[in-house]
Amino acid sequence: MKPSRREFARKGRDALVVGFALYRGVAPVIAWGQTAQPTASSAKPVVPEELDSWLSIGRDGKVTVYTGRIDMGTGAETAFGQVVADELDVRFESVKVVMGDTELTPDQGKSTASSNSSVGARPLRVAAAEARRILLKMATERFGVPVGELEVEDGIVRVRSVSTKRISYAELIGGGRFRALNGPRLDRGG
Protein backbone atom coordinates (compact mmCIF):
# COMPACT_ATOMS: atom_id res chain seq x y z
CA MET A 1 0.00 0.00 0.00
CA LYS A 2 1.40 3.37 -1.02
CA PRO A 3 0.78 6.21 1.49
CA SER A 4 -0.64 9.51 0.25
CA ARG A 5 1.55 12.60 0.52
CA ARG A 6 -0.55 13.77 3.48
CA GLU A 7 -0.09 10.45 5.34
CA PHE A 8 3.64 10.52 4.60
CA ALA A 9 3.99 14.07 5.98
CA ARG A 10 2.00 13.27 9.12
CA LYS A 11 3.69 10.01 10.05
CA GLY A 12 7.29 11.10 9.53
CA ARG A 13 10.04 8.86 8.18
CA ASP A 14 13.61 7.93 8.96
CA ALA A 15 16.05 10.37 7.47
CA LEU A 16 19.68 9.96 6.50
CA VAL A 17 21.66 13.06 5.71
CA VAL A 18 24.96 12.61 3.90
CA GLY A 19 27.33 15.46 3.24
CA PHE A 20 30.55 15.65 1.25
CA ALA A 21 33.32 18.19 1.56
CA LEU A 22 36.65 18.59 -0.20
CA TYR A 23 39.62 19.62 1.91
CA ARG A 24 42.97 19.79 0.10
CA GLY A 25 42.19 16.82 -2.06
CA VAL A 26 40.77 14.68 0.74
CA ALA A 27 37.06 13.93 0.66
CA PRO A 28 35.82 12.97 4.12
CA VAL A 29 32.31 11.58 4.24
CA ILE A 30 30.11 12.64 7.10
CA ALA A 31 26.96 10.62 7.72
CA TRP A 32 24.35 11.30 10.33
CA GLY A 33 21.06 9.50 10.81
CA GLN A 34 18.06 10.34 12.92
CA THR A 35 14.39 9.56 13.04
CA ALA A 36 12.27 12.43 11.80
CA GLN A 37 9.66 13.56 14.29
CA PRO A 38 6.09 13.70 13.03
CA THR A 39 4.70 17.18 12.80
CA ALA A 40 2.06 18.29 15.27
CA SER A 41 -1.35 17.26 14.06
CA SER A 42 -3.24 20.07 12.42
CA ALA A 43 -6.10 21.52 14.43
CA LYS A 44 -7.83 22.15 11.10
CA PRO A 45 -9.32 19.02 9.54
CA VAL A 46 -9.03 18.83 5.78
CA VAL A 47 -12.13 17.26 4.26
CA PRO A 48 -12.56 18.49 0.66
CA GLU A 49 -16.35 18.37 0.85
CA GLU A 50 -16.43 20.71 3.86
CA LEU A 51 -16.38 24.47 3.44
CA ASP A 52 -14.01 24.93 6.40
CA SER A 53 -11.31 23.06 4.47
CA TRP A 54 -11.31 25.86 1.89
CA LEU A 55 -11.97 29.08 3.75
CA SER A 56 -12.03 30.62 7.22
CA ILE A 57 -12.73 34.05 8.63
CA GLY A 58 -10.78 35.16 11.68
CA ARG A 59 -11.91 37.24 14.63
CA ASP A 60 -10.19 40.19 12.99
CA GLY A 61 -12.27 39.72 9.82
CA LYS A 62 -9.32 38.46 7.78
CA VAL A 63 -10.17 35.73 5.30
CA THR A 64 -7.84 32.76 4.90
CA VAL A 65 -8.18 30.64 1.79
CA TYR A 66 -6.69 27.15 1.53
CA THR A 67 -5.68 25.69 -1.81
CA GLY A 68 -3.63 22.65 -2.70
CA ARG A 69 -2.34 24.53 -5.74
CA ILE A 70 0.97 26.39 -5.77
CA ASP A 71 2.09 29.58 -7.49
CA MET A 72 4.83 28.95 -10.02
CA GLY A 73 5.39 32.60 -10.80
CA THR A 74 2.20 32.90 -12.82
CA GLY A 75 0.33 35.05 -10.30
CA ALA A 76 -2.02 32.31 -9.12
CA GLU A 77 -1.78 33.44 -5.49
CA THR A 78 -2.89 36.95 -6.44
CA ALA A 79 -5.61 35.64 -8.77
CA PHE A 80 -7.00 33.31 -6.09
CA GLY A 81 -7.04 36.13 -3.53
CA GLN A 82 -8.84 38.43 -5.98
CA VAL A 83 -11.47 35.81 -6.80
CA VAL A 84 -12.27 35.24 -3.12
CA ALA A 85 -12.21 38.96 -2.26
CA ASP A 86 -14.61 39.68 -5.11
CA GLU A 87 -16.99 36.84 -4.23
CA LEU A 88 -17.12 37.74 -0.53
CA ASP A 89 -17.01 41.51 -1.12
CA VAL A 90 -14.01 42.07 1.13
CA ARG A 91 -10.82 44.00 0.47
CA PHE A 92 -8.12 42.10 -1.36
CA GLU A 93 -5.66 43.05 1.40
CA SER A 94 -7.77 41.15 3.94
CA VAL A 95 -7.37 37.82 2.10
CA LYS A 96 -4.48 35.49 2.86
CA VAL A 97 -3.93 32.54 0.54
CA VAL A 98 -2.35 29.39 1.98
CA MET A 99 -0.99 27.31 -0.89
CA GLY A 100 0.22 23.73 -1.14
CA ASP A 101 0.58 23.03 2.58
CA THR A 102 -0.32 19.34 2.86
CA GLU A 103 -1.29 19.74 6.53
CA LEU A 104 -3.77 22.55 5.87
CA THR A 105 -5.00 22.45 2.29
CA PRO A 106 -7.17 20.10 0.24
CA ASP A 107 -5.34 17.92 -2.29
CA GLN A 108 -6.20 19.46 -5.65
CA GLY A 109 -3.91 17.35 -7.76
CA LYS A 110 -1.10 18.75 -9.84
CA SER A 111 -0.50 22.44 -10.43
CA THR A 112 0.03 23.11 -14.10
CA ALA A 113 1.16 26.48 -15.34
CA SER A 114 -1.26 26.72 -18.23
CA SER A 115 -4.42 25.97 -16.27
CA ASN A 116 -3.44 26.49 -12.64
CA SER A 117 -5.33 29.76 -12.16
CA SER A 118 -8.49 28.82 -14.01
CA VAL A 119 -8.84 25.30 -12.60
CA GLY A 120 -7.58 26.18 -9.13
CA ALA A 121 -9.87 29.22 -8.79
CA ARG A 122 -13.10 27.32 -9.45
CA PRO A 123 -13.42 25.58 -6.08
CA LEU A 124 -12.31 28.74 -4.28
CA ARG A 125 -15.04 30.76 -6.00
CA VAL A 126 -17.62 28.10 -5.06
CA ALA A 127 -16.38 28.06 -1.45
CA ALA A 128 -16.47 31.87 -1.19
CA ALA A 129 -19.98 32.00 -2.68
CA GLU A 130 -21.18 29.36 -0.22
CA ALA A 131 -19.53 31.22 2.68
CA ARG A 132 -21.25 34.45 1.62
CA ARG A 133 -24.62 32.67 1.38
CA ILE A 134 -24.20 31.27 4.90
CA LEU A 135 -23.07 34.64 6.29
CA LEU A 136 -26.06 36.41 4.75
CA LYS A 137 -28.37 33.75 6.19
CA MET A 138 -26.82 34.36 9.61
CA ALA A 139 -27.40 38.11 9.17
CA THR A 140 -31.06 37.59 8.17
CA GLU A 141 -31.59 35.60 11.37
CA ARG A 142 -29.89 38.32 13.39
CA PHE A 143 -31.85 41.22 11.84
CA GLY A 144 -35.12 39.47 10.98
CA VAL A 145 -35.14 40.69 7.37
CA PRO A 146 -35.05 38.78 4.07
CA VAL A 147 -31.73 38.35 2.28
CA GLY A 148 -32.88 40.74 -0.47
CA GLU A 149 -32.83 43.60 2.04
CA LEU A 150 -29.15 43.08 2.82
CA GLU A 151 -26.06 44.48 1.15
CA VAL A 152 -22.39 43.78 1.76
CA GLU A 153 -19.44 46.12 1.44
CA ASP A 154 -15.93 45.36 2.68
CA GLY A 155 -17.16 42.44 4.79
CA ILE A 156 -19.87 44.49 6.51
CA VAL A 157 -23.48 43.34 6.07
CA ARG A 158 -26.05 46.18 6.22
CA VAL A 159 -29.82 46.35 6.14
CA ARG A 160 -30.53 48.70 3.21
CA SER A 161 -33.51 50.42 4.81
CA VAL A 162 -31.90 50.90 8.25
CA SER A 163 -28.28 52.04 7.98
CA THR A 164 -27.64 51.51 11.69
CA LYS A 165 -28.33 47.77 11.37
CA ARG A 166 -24.97 46.39 10.35
CA ILE A 167 -22.71 43.54 11.30
CA SER A 168 -19.30 42.38 10.11
CA TYR A 169 -18.36 38.92 8.94
CA ALA A 170 -16.02 38.82 11.93
CA GLU A 171 -18.94 39.42 14.31
CA LEU A 172 -21.03 36.78 12.54
CA ILE A 173 -18.47 33.96 12.48
CA GLY A 174 -15.00 35.30 13.27
CA GLY A 175 -12.83 32.45 14.45
CA GLY A 176 -15.69 29.97 14.20
CA ARG A 177 -16.37 27.20 11.73
CA PHE A 178 -18.98 27.14 8.98
CA ARG A 179 -19.60 23.43 9.58
CA ALA A 180 -21.22 23.12 6.19
CA LEU A 181 -21.00 20.61 3.43
CA ASN A 182 -20.95 22.27 0.07
CA GLY A 183 -23.25 21.01 -2.69
CA PRO A 184 -20.85 21.28 -5.66
CA ARG A 185 -17.74 19.16 -5.41
CA LEU A 186 -14.93 21.41 -4.27
CA ASP A 187 -12.01 19.05 -4.67
CA ARG A 188 -9.74 18.78 -7.70
CA GLY A 189 -11.01 21.79 -9.55
CA GLY A 190 -14.75 21.77 -8.97
C-alpha atoms as a PDB file:
ATOM      1  CA  MET A   1       0.000   0.000   0.000  1.00  0.00           C
ATOM      2  CA  LYS A   2       1.401   3.371  -1.022  1.00  0.00           C
ATOM      3  CA  PRO A   3       0.783   6.211   1.491  1.00  0.00           C
ATOM      4  CA  SER A   4      -0.641   9.509   0.251  1.00  0.00           C
ATOM      5  CA  ARG A   5       1.552  12.600   0.524  1.00  0.00           C
ATOM      6  CA  ARG A   6      -0.549  13.772   3.482  1.00  0.00           C
ATOM      7  CA  GLU A   7      -0.090  10.454   5.342  1.00  0.00           C
ATOM      8  CA  PHE A   8       3.637  10.524   4.603  1.00  0.00           C
ATOM      9  CA  ALA A   9       3.992  14.066   5.976  1.00  0.00           C
ATOM     10  CA  ARG A  10       1.999  13.273   9.116  1.00  0.00           C
ATOM     11  CA  LYS A  11       3.690  10.008  10.055  1.00  0.00           C
ATOM     12  CA  GLY A  12       7.290  11.096   9.533  1.00  0.00           C
ATOM     13  CA  ARG A  13      10.037   8.858   8.182  1.00  0.00           C
ATOM     14  CA  ASP A  14      13.611   7.933   8.963  1.00  0.00           C
ATOM     15  CA  ALA A  15      16.053  10.370   7.471  1.00  0.00           C
ATOM     16  CA  LEU A  16      19.682   9.960   6.498  1.00  0.00           C
ATOM     17  CA  VAL A  17      21.657  13.061   5.707  1.00  0.00           C
ATOM     18  CA  VAL A  18      24.958  12.614   3.900  1.00  0.00           C
ATOM     19  CA  GLY A  19      27.333  15.465   3.236  1.00  0.00           C
ATOM     20  CA  PHE A  20      30.551  15.653   1.254  1.00  0.00           C
ATOM     21  CA  ALA A  21      33.317  18.194   1.561  1.00  0.00           C
ATOM     22  CA  LEU A  22      36.649  18.586  -0.200  1.00  0.00           C
ATOM     23  CA  TYR A  23      39.620  19.623   1.906  1.00  0.00           C
ATOM     24  CA  ARG A  24      42.970  19.788   0.097  1.00  0.00           C
ATOM     25  CA  GLY A  25      42.189  16.821  -2.061  1.00  0.00           C
ATOM     26  CA  VAL A  26      40.768  14.677   0.742  1.00  0.00           C
ATOM     27  CA  ALA A  27      37.055  13.932   0.657  1.00  0.00           C
ATOM     28  CA  PRO A  28      35.824  12.974   4.124  1.00  0.00           C
ATOM     29  CA  VAL A  29      32.309  11.584   4.237  1.00  0.00           C
ATOM     30  CA  ILE A  30      30.106  12.640   7.103  1.00  0.00           C
ATOM     31  CA  ALA A  31      26.958  10.616   7.725  1.00  0.00           C
ATOM     32  CA  TRP A  32      24.350  11.301  10.325  1.00  0.00           C
ATOM     33  CA  GLY A  33      21.063   9.497  10.809  1.00  0.00           C
ATOM     34  CA  GLN A  34      18.064  10.344  12.918  1.00  0.00           C
ATOM     35  CA  THR A  35      14.387   9.558  13.042  1.00  0.00           C
ATOM     36  CA  ALA A  36      12.271  12.430  11.797  1.00  0.00           C
ATOM     37  CA  GLN A  37       9.665  13.556  14.293  1.00  0.00           C
ATOM     38  CA  PRO A  38       6.093  13.698  13.034  1.00  0.00           C
ATOM     39  CA  THR A  39       4.699  17.183  12.800  1.00  0.00           C
ATOM     40  CA  ALA A  40       2.059  18.291  15.267  1.00  0.00           C
ATOM     41  CA  SER A  41      -1.350  17.261  14.058  1.00  0.00           C
ATOM     42  CA  SER A  42      -3.243  20.075  12.417  1.00  0.00           C
ATOM     43  CA  ALA A  43      -6.105  21.522  14.434  1.00  0.00           C
ATOM     44  CA  LYS A  44      -7.835  22.147  11.104  1.00  0.00           C
ATOM     45  CA  PRO A  45      -9.318  19.019   9.544  1.00  0.00           C
ATOM     46  CA  VAL A  46      -9.025  18.829   5.782  1.00  0.00           C
ATOM     47  CA  VAL A  47     -12.127  17.258   4.256  1.00  0.00           C
ATOM     48  CA  PRO A  48     -12.556  18.487   0.659  1.00  0.00           C
ATOM     49  CA  GLU A  49     -16.355  18.365   0.850  1.00  0.00           C
ATOM     50  CA  GLU A  50     -16.430  20.711   3.863  1.00  0.00           C
ATOM     51  CA  LEU A  51     -16.382  24.470   3.436  1.00  0.00           C
ATOM     52  CA  ASP A  52     -14.013  24.932   6.395  1.00  0.00           C
ATOM     53  CA  SER A  53     -11.310  23.061   4.466  1.00  0.00           C
ATOM     54  CA  TRP A  54     -11.306  25.858   1.889  1.00  0.00           C
ATOM     55  CA  LEU A  55     -11.972  29.082   3.748  1.00  0.00           C
ATOM     56  CA  SER A  56     -12.033  30.620   7.216  1.00  0.00           C
ATOM     57  CA  ILE A  57     -12.734  34.051   8.632  1.00  0.00           C
ATOM     58  CA  GLY A  58     -10.777  35.159  11.679  1.00  0.00           C
ATOM     59  CA  ARG A  59     -11.913  37.242  14.626  1.00  0.00           C
ATOM     60  CA  ASP A  60     -10.186  40.188  12.985  1.00  0.00           C
ATOM     61  CA  GLY A  61     -12.271  39.718   9.819  1.00  0.00           C
ATOM     62  CA  LYS A  62      -9.320  38.459   7.778  1.00  0.00           C
ATOM     63  CA  VAL A  63     -10.167  35.728   5.299  1.00  0.00           C
ATOM     64  CA  THR A  64      -7.836  32.760   4.905  1.00  0.00           C
ATOM     65  CA  VAL A  65      -8.176  30.641   1.789  1.00  0.00           C
ATOM     66  CA  TYR A  66      -6.691  27.147   1.535  1.00  0.00           C
ATOM     67  CA  THR A  67      -5.676  25.693  -1.811  1.00  0.00           C
ATOM     68  CA  GLY A  68      -3.627  22.652  -2.699  1.00  0.00           C
ATOM     69  CA  ARG A  69      -2.338  24.531  -5.738  1.00  0.00           C
ATOM     70  CA  ILE A  70       0.974  26.394  -5.771  1.00  0.00           C
ATOM     71  CA  ASP A  71       2.094  29.581  -7.491  1.00  0.00           C
ATOM     72  CA  MET A  72       4.832  28.951 -10.021  1.00  0.00           C
ATOM     73  CA  GLY A  73       5.391  32.600 -10.796  1.00  0.00           C
ATOM     74  CA  THR A  74       2.197  32.900 -12.822  1.00  0.00           C
ATOM     75  CA  GLY A  75       0.335  35.052 -10.299  1.00  0.00           C
ATOM     76  CA  ALA A  76      -2.023  32.312  -9.119  1.00  0.00           C
ATOM     77  CA  GLU A  77      -1.784  33.441  -5.486  1.00  0.00           C
ATOM     78  CA  THR A  78      -2.895  36.946  -6.444  1.00  0.00           C
ATOM     79  CA  ALA A  79      -5.612  35.637  -8.770  1.00  0.00           C
ATOM     80  CA  PHE A  80      -6.998  33.309  -6.089  1.00  0.00           C
ATOM     81  CA  GLY A  81      -7.036  36.134  -3.533  1.00  0.00           C
ATOM     82  CA  GLN A  82      -8.838  38.428  -5.982  1.00  0.00           C
ATOM     83  CA  VAL A  83     -11.470  35.805  -6.804  1.00  0.00           C
ATOM     84  CA  VAL A  84     -12.268  35.241  -3.125  1.00  0.00           C
ATOM     85  CA  ALA A  85     -12.207  38.959  -2.259  1.00  0.00           C
ATOM     86  CA  ASP A  86     -14.614  39.678  -5.107  1.00  0.00           C
ATOM     87  CA  GLU A  87     -16.992  36.838  -4.232  1.00  0.00           C
ATOM     88  CA  LEU A  88     -17.124  37.737  -0.529  1.00  0.00           C
ATOM     89  CA  ASP A  89     -17.008  41.511  -1.121  1.00  0.00           C
ATOM     90  CA  VAL A  90     -14.007  42.074   1.130  1.00  0.00           C
ATOM     91  CA  ARG A  91     -10.817  44.004   0.470  1.00  0.00           C
ATOM     92  CA  PHE A  92      -8.116  42.097  -1.362  1.00  0.00           C
ATOM     93  CA  GLU A  93      -5.663  43.047   1.396  1.00  0.00           C
ATOM     94  CA  SER A  94      -7.766  41.147   3.938  1.00  0.00           C
ATOM     95  CA  VAL A  95      -7.367  37.823   2.096  1.00  0.00           C
ATOM     96  CA  LYS A  96      -4.476  35.486   2.861  1.00  0.00           C
ATOM     97  CA  VAL A  97      -3.927  32.539   0.536  1.00  0.00           C
ATOM     98  CA  VAL A  98      -2.352  29.388   1.977  1.00  0.00           C
ATOM     99  CA  MET A  99      -0.986  27.311  -0.886  1.00  0.00           C
ATOM    100  CA  GLY A 100       0.224  23.729  -1.144  1.00  0.00           C
ATOM    101  CA  ASP A 101       0.576  23.030   2.584  1.00  0.00           C
ATOM    102  CA  THR A 102      -0.323  19.341   2.858  1.00  0.00           C
ATOM    103  CA  GLU A 103      -1.285  19.742   6.533  1.00  0.00           C
ATOM    104  CA  LEU A 104      -3.772  22.551   5.873  1.00  0.00           C
ATOM    105  CA  THR A 105      -5.005  22.449   2.287  1.00  0.00           C
ATOM    106  CA  PRO A 106      -7.169  20.102   0.237  1.00  0.00           C
ATOM    107  CA  ASP A 107      -5.344  17.924  -2.290  1.00  0.00           C
ATOM    108  CA  GLN A 108      -6.197  19.460  -5.652  1.00  0.00           C
ATOM    109  CA  GLY A 109      -3.908  17.347  -7.763  1.00  0.00           C
ATOM    110  CA  LYS A 110      -1.096  18.750  -9.837  1.00  0.00           C
ATOM    111  CA  SER A 111      -0.496  22.441 -10.432  1.00  0.00           C
ATOM    112  CA  THR A 112       0.026  23.105 -14.101  1.00  0.00           C
ATOM    113  CA  ALA A 113       1.162  26.481 -15.340  1.00  0.00           C
ATOM    114  CA  SER A 114      -1.260  26.725 -18.234  1.00  0.00           C
ATOM    115  CA  SER A 115      -4.417  25.974 -16.270  1.00  0.00           C
ATOM    116  CA  ASN A 116      -3.444  26.491 -12.640  1.00  0.00           C
ATOM    117  CA  SER A 117      -5.329  29.759 -12.158  1.00  0.00           C
ATOM    118  CA  SER A 118      -8.485  28.824 -14.009  1.00  0.00           C
ATOM    119  CA  VAL A 119      -8.840  25.297 -12.605  1.00  0.00           C
ATOM    120  CA  GLY A 120      -7.584  26.182  -9.131  1.00  0.00           C
ATOM    121  CA  ALA A 121      -9.868  29.222  -8.790  1.00  0.00           C
ATOM    122  CA  ARG A 122     -13.104  27.318  -9.450  1.00  0.00           C
ATOM    123  CA  PRO A 123     -13.425  25.580  -6.075  1.00  0.00           C
ATOM    124  CA  LEU A 124     -12.311  28.741  -4.277  1.00  0.00           C
ATOM    125  CA  ARG A 125     -15.043  30.756  -5.998  1.00  0.00           C
ATOM    126  CA  VAL A 126     -17.623  28.100  -5.061  1.00  0.00           C
ATOM    127  CA  ALA A 127     -16.382  28.060  -1.452  1.00  0.00           C
ATOM    128  CA  ALA A 128     -16.468  31.865  -1.186  1.00  0.00           C
ATOM    129  CA  ALA A 129     -19.979  32.004  -2.678  1.00  0.00           C
ATOM    130  CA  GLU A 130     -21.178  29.362  -0.223  1.00  0.00           C
ATOM    131  CA  ALA A 131     -19.535  31.215   2.682  1.00  0.00           C
ATOM    132  CA  ARG A 132     -21.254  34.452   1.623  1.00  0.00           C
ATOM    133  CA  ARG A 133     -24.621  32.667   1.375  1.00  0.00           C
ATOM    134  CA  ILE A 134     -24.204  31.269   4.900  1.00  0.00           C
ATOM    135  CA  LEU A 135     -23.066  34.635   6.291  1.00  0.00           C
ATOM    136  CA  LEU A 136     -26.058  36.411   4.754  1.00  0.00           C
ATOM    137  CA  LYS A 137     -28.369  33.750   6.191  1.00  0.00           C
ATOM    138  CA  MET A 138     -26.822  34.362   9.610  1.00  0.00           C
ATOM    139  CA  ALA A 139     -27.403  38.107   9.171  1.00  0.00           C
ATOM    140  CA  THR A 140     -31.056  37.586   8.172  1.00  0.00           C
ATOM    141  CA  GLU A 141     -31.588  35.602  11.369  1.00  0.00           C
ATOM    142  CA  ARG A 142     -29.892  38.323  13.391  1.00  0.00           C
ATOM    143  CA  PHE A 143     -31.855  41.217  11.836  1.00  0.00           C
ATOM    144  CA  GLY A 144     -35.119  39.470  10.981  1.00  0.00           C
ATOM    145  CA  VAL A 145     -35.143  40.686   7.371  1.00  0.00           C
ATOM    146  CA  PRO A 146     -35.048  38.781   4.072  1.00  0.00           C
ATOM    147  CA  VAL A 147     -31.726  38.348   2.277  1.00  0.00           C
ATOM    148  CA  GLY A 148     -32.885  40.741  -0.469  1.00  0.00           C
ATOM    149  CA  GLU A 149     -32.827  43.598   2.043  1.00  0.00           C
ATOM    150  CA  LEU A 150     -29.146  43.084   2.821  1.00  0.00           C
ATOM    151  CA  GLU A 151     -26.064  44.477   1.148  1.00  0.00           C
ATOM    152  CA  VAL A 152     -22.390  43.776   1.757  1.00  0.00           C
ATOM    153  CA  GLU A 153     -19.438  46.118   1.442  1.00  0.00           C
ATOM    154  CA  ASP A 154     -15.925  45.355   2.675  1.00  0.00           C
ATOM    155  CA  GLY A 155     -17.155  42.441   4.793  1.00  0.00           C
ATOM    156  CA  ILE A 156     -19.874  44.492   6.509  1.00  0.00           C
ATOM    157  CA  VAL A 157     -23.483  43.342   6.074  1.00  0.00           C
ATOM    158  CA  ARG A 158     -26.048  46.175   6.218  1.00  0.00           C
ATOM    159  CA  VAL A 159     -29.815  46.351   6.139  1.00  0.00           C
ATOM    160  CA  ARG A 160     -30.532  48.699   3.212  1.00  0.00           C
ATOM    161  CA  SER A 161     -33.505  50.422   4.807  1.00  0.00           C
ATOM    162  CA  VAL A 162     -31.903  50.903   8.252  1.00  0.00           C
ATOM    163  CA  SER A 163     -28.282  52.037   7.977  1.00  0.00           C
ATOM    164  CA  THR A 164     -27.638  51.509  11.691  1.00  0.00           C
ATOM    165  CA  LYS A 165     -28.330  47.772  11.370  1.00  0.00           C
ATOM    166  CA  ARG A 166     -24.974  46.387  10.354  1.00  0.00           C
ATOM    167  CA  ILE A 167     -22.709  43.540  11.301  1.00  0.00           C
ATOM    168  CA  SER A 168     -19.300  42.382  10.106  1.00  0.00           C
ATOM    169  CA  TYR A 169     -18.358  38.919   8.937  1.00  0.00           C
ATOM    170  CA  ALA A 170     -16.016  38.821  11.931  1.00  0.00           C
ATOM    171  CA  GLU A 171     -18.943  39.424  14.308  1.00  0.00           C
ATOM    172  CA  LEU A 172     -21.031  36.776  12.540  1.00  0.00           C
ATOM    173  CA  ILE A 173     -18.467  33.956  12.478  1.00  0.00           C
ATOM    174  CA  GLY A 174     -15.000  35.298  13.265  1.00  0.00           C
ATOM    175  CA  GLY A 175     -12.828  32.448  14.452  1.00  0.00           C
ATOM    176  CA  GLY A 176     -15.695  29.972  14.205  1.00  0.00           C
ATOM    177  CA  ARG A 177     -16.373  27.203  11.730  1.00  0.00           C
ATOM    178  CA  PHE A 178     -18.978  27.140   8.985  1.00  0.00           C
ATOM    179  CA  ARG A 179     -19.603  23.428   9.576  1.00  0.00           C
ATOM    180  CA  ALA A 180     -21.225  23.123   6.186  1.00  0.00           C
ATOM    181  CA  LEU A 181     -21.002  20.614   3.427  1.00  0.00           C
ATOM    182  CA  ASN A 182     -20.952  22.267   0.070  1.00  0.00           C
ATOM    183  CA  GLY A 183     -23.246  21.013  -2.687  1.00  0.00           C
ATOM    184  CA  PRO A 184     -20.853  21.282  -5.656  1.00  0.00           C
ATOM    185  CA  ARG A 185     -17.736  19.162  -5.409  1.00  0.00           C
ATOM    186  CA  LEU A 186     -14.929  21.411  -4.270  1.00  0.00           C
ATOM    187  CA  ASP A 187     -12.007  19.046  -4.668  1.00  0.00           C
ATOM    188  CA  ARG A 188      -9.741  18.779  -7.697  1.00  0.00           C
ATOM    189  CA  GLY A 189     -11.009  21.794  -9.547  1.00  0.00           C
ATOM    190  CA  GLY A 190     -14.755  21.774  -8.965  1.00  0.00           C
END
